[in-house]
Amino acid sequence: MSLLESRLSEKIEATMEARSLETEDPAASRKSFADELAKAIVEEIKMITIIATAPSGGGPVTITKIE
């Protein structure tokens, strides 16, 4: 699966919306937002597909496509 800017944007917006409703502990809200943002970014990075080739006898890998 490829990295989708729109999917990441939706996750960030949902996280921001959820945190905007919190009013009691700003420090905890910031920490929660940072944790959820980091998780969303890592999830998207893990969805990246890298296509590469290498010589059959060994040698350097050539990345042909990143999605």
N, C-alpha and C. Protein backbone atom coordinates (compact mmCIF):
# COMPACT_ATOMS: atom_id res chain seq x y z
N MET A 1 0.84 -1.16 0.00
CA MET A 1 0.00 0.00 0.00
C MET A 1 0.89 1.24 0.00
N SER A 2 0.43 2.27 -0.59
CA SER A 2 1.25 3.47 -0.68
C SER A 2 0.89 4.48 0.40
N LEU A 3 1.79 5.40 0.58
CA LEU A 3 1.59 6.49 1.53
C LEU A 3 0.58 7.47 0.94
N LEU A 4 -0.44 7.80 1.72
CA LEU A 4 -1.45 8.73 1.25
C LEU A 4 -1.50 9.95 2.15
N GLU A 5 -1.21 11.10 1.57
CA GLU A 5 -1.23 12.34 2.33
C GLU A 5 -2.61 12.59 2.93
N SER A 6 -3.64 12.28 2.16
CA SER A 6 -5.01 12.53 2.64
C SER A 6 -5.35 11.66 3.84
N ARG A 7 -4.90 10.40 3.84
CA ARG A 7 -5.18 9.51 4.97
C ARG A 7 -4.48 10.02 6.23
N LEU A 8 -3.23 10.45 6.09
CA LEU A 8 -2.50 10.99 7.22
C LEU A 8 -3.15 12.28 7.71
N SER A 9 -3.57 13.12 6.80
CA SER A 9 -4.24 14.36 7.16
C SER A 9 -5.51 14.09 7.96
N GLU A 10 -6.27 13.10 7.55
CA GLU A 10 -7.50 12.74 8.26
C GLU A 10 -7.18 12.26 9.68
N LYS A 11 -6.13 11.48 9.83
CA LYS A 11 -5.74 11.01 11.17
C LYS A 11 -5.32 12.17 12.05
N ILE A 12 -4.57 13.11 11.49
CA ILE A 12 -4.13 14.27 12.26
C ILE A 12 -5.33 15.12 12.66
N GLU A 13 -6.23 15.34 11.74
CA GLU A 13 -7.42 16.14 12.03
C GLU A 13 -8.27 15.49 13.12
N ALA A 14 -8.44 14.17 13.05
CA ALA A 14 -9.22 13.46 14.07
C ALA A 14 -8.55 13.58 15.44
N THR A 15 -7.24 13.49 15.46
CA THR A 15 -6.50 13.63 16.71
C THR A 15 -6.66 15.04 17.27
N MET A 16 -6.54 16.04 16.42
CA MET A 16 -6.70 17.42 16.86
C MET A 16 -8.11 17.67 17.39
N GLU A 17 -9.09 17.13 16.71
CA GLU A 17 -10.49 17.31 17.12
C GLU A 17 -10.72 16.69 18.49
N ALA A 18 -10.22 15.49 18.69
CA ALA A 18 -10.39 14.81 19.98
C ALA A 18 -9.71 15.58 21.11
N ARG A 19 -8.53 16.10 20.85
CA ARG A 19 -7.80 16.84 21.88
C ARG A 19 -8.40 18.21 22.13
N SER A 20 -9.08 18.80 21.15
CA SER A 20 -9.65 20.14 21.34
C SER A 20 -10.80 20.13 22.34
N LEU A 21 -11.35 18.96 22.60
CA LEU A 21 -12.45 18.85 23.55
C LEU A 21 -11.96 18.73 24.99
N GLU A 22 -10.66 18.48 25.17
CA GLU A 22 -10.09 18.34 26.50
C GLU A 22 -9.76 19.72 27.07
N THR A 23 -10.21 19.98 28.29
CA THR A 23 -9.97 21.29 28.89
C THR A 23 -9.34 21.23 30.27
N GLU A 24 -9.28 20.05 30.88
CA GLU A 24 -8.85 19.97 32.27
C GLU A 24 -7.33 19.95 32.47
N ASP A 25 -6.59 19.28 31.59
CA ASP A 25 -5.15 19.14 31.80
C ASP A 25 -4.41 19.38 30.49
N PRO A 26 -4.03 20.63 30.23
CA PRO A 26 -3.37 20.96 28.96
C PRO A 26 -2.09 20.15 28.71
N ALA A 27 -1.31 19.90 29.74
CA ALA A 27 -0.07 19.14 29.57
C ALA A 27 -0.36 17.71 29.13
N ALA A 28 -1.35 17.09 29.74
CA ALA A 28 -1.73 15.72 29.36
C ALA A 28 -2.30 15.71 27.95
N SER A 29 -3.04 16.74 27.60
CA SER A 29 -3.61 16.84 26.26
C SER A 29 -2.51 16.96 25.21
N ARG A 30 -1.50 17.79 25.47
CA ARG A 30 -0.37 17.93 24.54
C ARG A 30 0.36 16.61 24.39
N LYS A 31 0.60 15.92 25.50
CA LYS A 31 1.29 14.63 25.46
C LYS A 31 0.49 13.62 24.66
N SER A 32 -0.81 13.57 24.90
CA SER A 32 -1.68 12.65 24.18
C SER A 32 -1.68 12.97 22.68
N PHE A 33 -1.75 14.26 22.35
CA PHE A 33 -1.72 14.67 20.95
C PHE A 33 -0.41 14.25 20.29
N ALA A 34 0.70 14.50 20.97
CA ALA A 34 2.01 14.14 20.41
C ALA A 34 2.12 12.63 20.21
N ASP A 35 1.63 11.85 21.17
CA ASP A 35 1.68 10.39 21.05
C ASP A 35 0.85 9.90 19.87
N GLU A 36 -0.37 10.43 19.75
CA GLU A 36 -1.25 10.00 18.66
C GLU A 36 -0.73 10.47 17.29
N LEU A 37 -0.16 11.65 17.24
CA LEU A 37 0.43 12.15 15.99
C LEU A 37 1.60 11.28 15.57
N ALA A 38 2.48 10.96 16.51
CA ALA A 38 3.62 10.10 16.21
C ALA A 38 3.15 8.73 15.72
N LYS A 39 2.14 8.19 16.37
CA LYS A 39 1.60 6.88 15.96
C LYS A 39 1.04 6.93 14.53
N ALA A 40 0.31 7.99 14.21
CA ALA A 40 -0.27 8.12 12.87
C ALA A 40 0.83 8.21 11.81
N ILE A 41 1.89 8.95 12.10
CA ILE A 41 3.00 9.09 11.15
C ILE A 41 3.71 7.77 10.95
N VAL A 42 4.00 7.07 12.04
CA VAL A 42 4.67 5.77 11.94
C VAL A 42 3.81 4.77 11.18
N GLU A 43 2.51 4.76 11.44
CA GLU A 43 1.60 3.86 10.70
C GLU A 43 1.66 4.13 9.21
N GLU A 44 1.69 5.40 8.82
CA GLU A 44 1.76 5.74 7.40
C GLU A 44 3.10 5.33 6.80
N ILE A 45 4.18 5.57 7.52
CA ILE A 45 5.50 5.18 7.01
C ILE A 45 5.57 3.68 6.79
N LYS A 46 4.97 2.92 7.70
CA LYS A 46 4.99 1.46 7.57
C LYS A 46 4.21 0.98 6.35
N MET A 47 3.33 1.82 5.80
CA MET A 47 2.54 1.43 4.63
C MET A 47 3.27 1.70 3.32
N ILE A 48 4.41 2.35 3.38
CA ILE A 48 5.18 2.65 2.17
C ILE A 48 5.67 1.34 1.55
N THR A 49 5.56 1.26 0.25
CA THR A 49 6.08 0.12 -0.50
C THR A 49 7.32 0.59 -1.26
N ILE A 50 8.41 -0.15 -1.09
CA ILE A 50 9.65 0.15 -1.82
C ILE A 50 9.94 -1.03 -2.73
N ILE A 51 10.10 -0.74 -4.00
CA ILE A 51 10.41 -1.77 -4.99
C ILE A 51 11.86 -1.57 -5.41
N ALA A 52 12.65 -2.64 -5.31
CA ALA A 52 14.08 -2.54 -5.60
C ALA A 52 14.55 -3.78 -6.35
N THR A 53 15.66 -3.63 -7.03
CA THR A 53 16.29 -4.75 -7.72
C THR A 53 17.75 -4.84 -7.28
N ALA A 54 18.30 -6.04 -7.42
CA ALA A 54 19.72 -6.26 -7.09
C ALA A 54 20.27 -7.29 -8.07
N PRO A 55 21.54 -7.22 -8.39
CA PRO A 55 22.15 -8.21 -9.27
C PRO A 55 22.08 -9.60 -8.64
N SER A 56 21.91 -10.63 -9.45
CA SER A 56 21.77 -11.99 -8.93
C SER A 56 23.01 -12.46 -8.18
N GLY A 57 24.17 -11.96 -8.52
CA GLY A 57 25.39 -12.38 -7.85
C GLY A 57 25.74 -11.52 -6.64
N GLY A 58 24.86 -10.64 -6.27
CA GLY A 58 25.12 -9.72 -5.17
C GLY A 58 25.55 -8.37 -5.70
N GLY A 59 25.52 -7.42 -4.87
CA GLY A 59 25.91 -6.07 -5.26
C GLY A 59 24.92 -5.06 -4.76
N PRO A 60 25.06 -3.84 -5.22
CA PRO A 60 24.20 -2.77 -4.70
C PRO A 60 22.74 -2.93 -5.14
N VAL A 61 21.87 -2.53 -4.27
CA VAL A 61 20.43 -2.55 -4.55
C VAL A 61 20.07 -1.24 -5.23
N THR A 62 19.21 -1.33 -6.24
CA THR A 62 18.71 -0.15 -6.92
C THR A 62 17.24 0.00 -6.62
N ILE A 63 16.88 1.09 -5.99
CA ILE A 63 15.46 1.36 -5.71
C ILE A 63 14.84 1.86 -6.99
N THR A 64 13.77 1.15 -7.41
CA THR A 64 13.14 1.53 -8.66
C THR A 64 11.85 2.31 -8.46
N LYS A 65 11.22 2.15 -7.28
CA LYS A 65 9.96 2.84 -7.05
C LYS A 65 9.66 2.90 -5.56
N ILE A 66 9.14 4.03 -5.12
CA ILE A 66 8.67 4.19 -3.75
C ILE A 66 7.25 4.69 -3.82
N GLU A 67 6.35 3.95 -3.20
CA GLU A 67 4.92 4.32 -3.21
C GLU A 67 4.48 4.59 -1.80
